[in-house]
Amino acid sequence: MGFNIPWPYEKPVFVLSNSLKEVPDKLKDKVKIVSGSLSKILEEINREGYVRLYIDGGKTIQSFLKEDLIDELTITTVPLLLGSGIPLFSDLPKPLLFNAISSKILLGKIVQSVFVRDRS
């Protein structure tokens, strides 16, 4: 909301938060705040017909990985070292195996790789 542009998303946005309780009026038809356990949140979202979800945010991704709720990872590597930030991966209760299905170079610098969870 702070970029002074129109809302950029066409699909519904679900915001995971245990502290936010209300969406600003101008976003009420675009954003829904959800809270609780991830499995219950996913059940609710799936019941609404949404089954392919884009999960973003370091801590959020870590939470989904800890509960083994990620089926596909798209990891984009930008060769600019910032030196700090929230790591994408953290401790997991067990190793999670993913298979690489594609990788491409964008703009001659950026590498984007796609991995699918191996549940066999």
Protein backbone atom coordinates (compact mmCIF):
# COMPACT_ATOMS: atom_id res chain seq x y z
CA MET A 1 0.00 0.00 0.00
CA GLY A 2 2.95 2.33 0.47
CA PHE A 3 4.03 2.55 -3.19
CA ASN A 4 1.25 4.97 -4.18
CA ILE A 5 0.04 2.72 -7.03
CA PRO A 6 -3.25 0.92 -7.66
CA TRP A 7 -3.62 -2.52 -6.03
CA PRO A 8 -1.43 -4.76 -8.25
CA TYR A 9 -3.06 -8.17 -7.62
CA GLU A 10 -6.00 -9.69 -9.49
CA LYS A 11 -6.28 -12.78 -7.30
CA PRO A 12 -7.36 -12.73 -3.65
CA VAL A 13 -4.64 -12.09 -1.09
CA PHE A 14 -4.71 -13.97 2.22
CA VAL A 15 -2.63 -12.31 4.94
CA LEU A 16 -1.45 -14.55 7.79
CA SER A 17 -1.54 -12.55 10.99
CA ASN A 18 -2.28 -13.11 14.64
CA SER A 19 -2.16 -9.39 15.39
CA LEU A 20 -4.00 -7.69 12.50
CA LYS A 21 -7.75 -7.81 12.96
CA GLU A 22 -9.11 -5.59 10.22
CA VAL A 23 -8.41 -4.83 6.56
CA PRO A 24 -8.50 -1.19 5.41
CA ASP A 25 -11.86 -0.36 3.78
CA LYS A 26 -10.38 0.11 0.30
CA LEU A 27 -8.96 -3.47 0.37
CA LYS A 28 -11.89 -5.36 1.95
CA ASP A 29 -12.83 -7.01 -1.35
CA LYS A 30 -9.19 -7.88 -2.17
CA VAL A 31 -7.56 -9.00 1.10
CA LYS A 32 -8.60 -11.42 3.81
CA ILE A 33 -6.81 -11.79 7.14
CA VAL A 34 -6.45 -15.41 8.29
CA SER A 35 -5.06 -16.77 11.54
CA GLY A 36 -4.75 -20.02 13.42
CA SER A 37 -2.97 -23.26 12.59
CA LEU A 38 -1.68 -23.56 9.04
CA SER A 39 -3.59 -26.78 8.42
CA LYS A 40 -6.90 -25.14 9.44
CA ILE A 41 -6.12 -22.05 7.38
CA LEU A 42 -5.38 -24.21 4.34
CA GLU A 43 -8.60 -26.20 4.85
CA GLU A 44 -10.59 -22.95 4.86
CA ILE A 45 -8.81 -21.55 1.80
CA ASN A 46 -9.16 -24.85 -0.08
CA ARG A 47 -12.90 -24.94 0.75
CA GLU A 48 -13.18 -21.55 -0.96
CA GLY A 49 -11.76 -23.17 -4.11
CA TYR A 50 -8.13 -22.05 -3.88
CA VAL A 51 -5.71 -24.97 -4.10
CA ARG A 52 -2.61 -23.50 -5.77
CA LEU A 53 -1.25 -20.87 -3.43
CA TYR A 54 1.73 -18.55 -3.69
CA ILE A 55 3.43 -18.42 -0.29
CA ASP A 56 5.82 -15.54 0.33
CA GLY A 57 7.82 -14.08 3.20
CA GLY A 58 10.79 -15.68 4.96
CA LYS A 59 9.11 -16.56 8.27
CA THR A 60 5.90 -17.66 6.51
CA ILE A 61 7.79 -19.96 4.14
CA GLN A 62 9.72 -21.40 7.09
CA SER A 63 6.45 -22.13 8.92
CA PHE A 64 4.98 -23.92 5.90
CA LEU A 65 8.18 -25.93 5.40
CA LYS A 66 8.27 -26.97 9.08
CA GLU A 67 4.82 -28.51 8.60
CA ASP A 68 5.78 -30.01 5.21
CA LEU A 69 3.08 -28.00 3.43
CA ILE A 70 5.09 -26.87 0.40
CA ASP A 71 4.73 -28.97 -2.77
CA GLU A 72 6.73 -26.76 -5.13
CA LEU A 73 9.51 -24.23 -4.57
CA THR A 74 10.54 -21.53 -7.02
CA ILE A 75 13.79 -20.06 -5.83
CA THR A 76 15.14 -16.98 -7.58
CA THR A 77 18.77 -16.12 -6.91
CA VAL A 78 19.79 -12.51 -7.46
CA PRO A 79 23.58 -12.02 -7.27
CA LEU A 80 23.46 -9.05 -4.91
CA LEU A 81 24.73 -9.80 -1.41
CA LEU A 82 22.93 -7.72 1.18
CA GLY A 83 24.73 -9.13 4.20
CA SER A 84 21.65 -9.50 6.40
CA GLY A 85 17.97 -10.33 6.38
CA ILE A 86 15.70 -13.25 7.25
CA PRO A 87 17.04 -16.55 5.93
CA LEU A 88 14.71 -18.48 3.63
CA PHE A 89 15.38 -21.78 5.40
CA SER A 90 15.61 -22.59 9.10
CA ASP A 91 15.71 -25.71 11.26
CA LEU A 92 13.31 -28.43 10.15
CA PRO A 93 12.03 -31.40 12.16
CA LYS A 94 13.14 -33.70 9.30
CA PRO A 95 14.92 -33.34 5.96
CA LEU A 96 12.64 -32.52 3.01
CA LEU A 97 13.65 -33.85 -0.41
CA PHE A 98 12.83 -31.79 -3.50
CA ASN A 99 13.58 -32.67 -7.13
CA ALA A 100 14.78 -30.00 -9.55
CA ILE A 101 12.45 -29.72 -12.55
CA SER A 102 13.75 -26.57 -14.24
CA SER A 103 16.26 -23.80 -14.04
CA LYS A 104 16.68 -20.72 -16.21
CA ILE A 105 18.84 -17.62 -16.41
CA LEU A 106 17.02 -14.29 -16.59
CA LEU A 107 18.61 -11.04 -17.78
CA GLY A 108 21.99 -12.77 -17.88
CA LYS A 109 22.31 -12.56 -14.08
CA ILE A 110 19.34 -13.99 -12.22
CA VAL A 111 18.85 -17.76 -11.81
CA GLN A 112 15.36 -19.10 -11.22
CA SER A 113 14.99 -22.76 -10.28
CA VAL A 114 11.85 -24.79 -9.68
CA PHE A 115 11.77 -27.79 -7.34
CA VAL A 116 8.95 -30.25 -6.61
CA ARG A 117 8.54 -32.07 -3.28
CA ASP A 118 9.47 -35.76 -3.51
CA ARG A 119 6.94 -37.54 -1.27
CA SER A 120 7.89 -41.10 -2.33
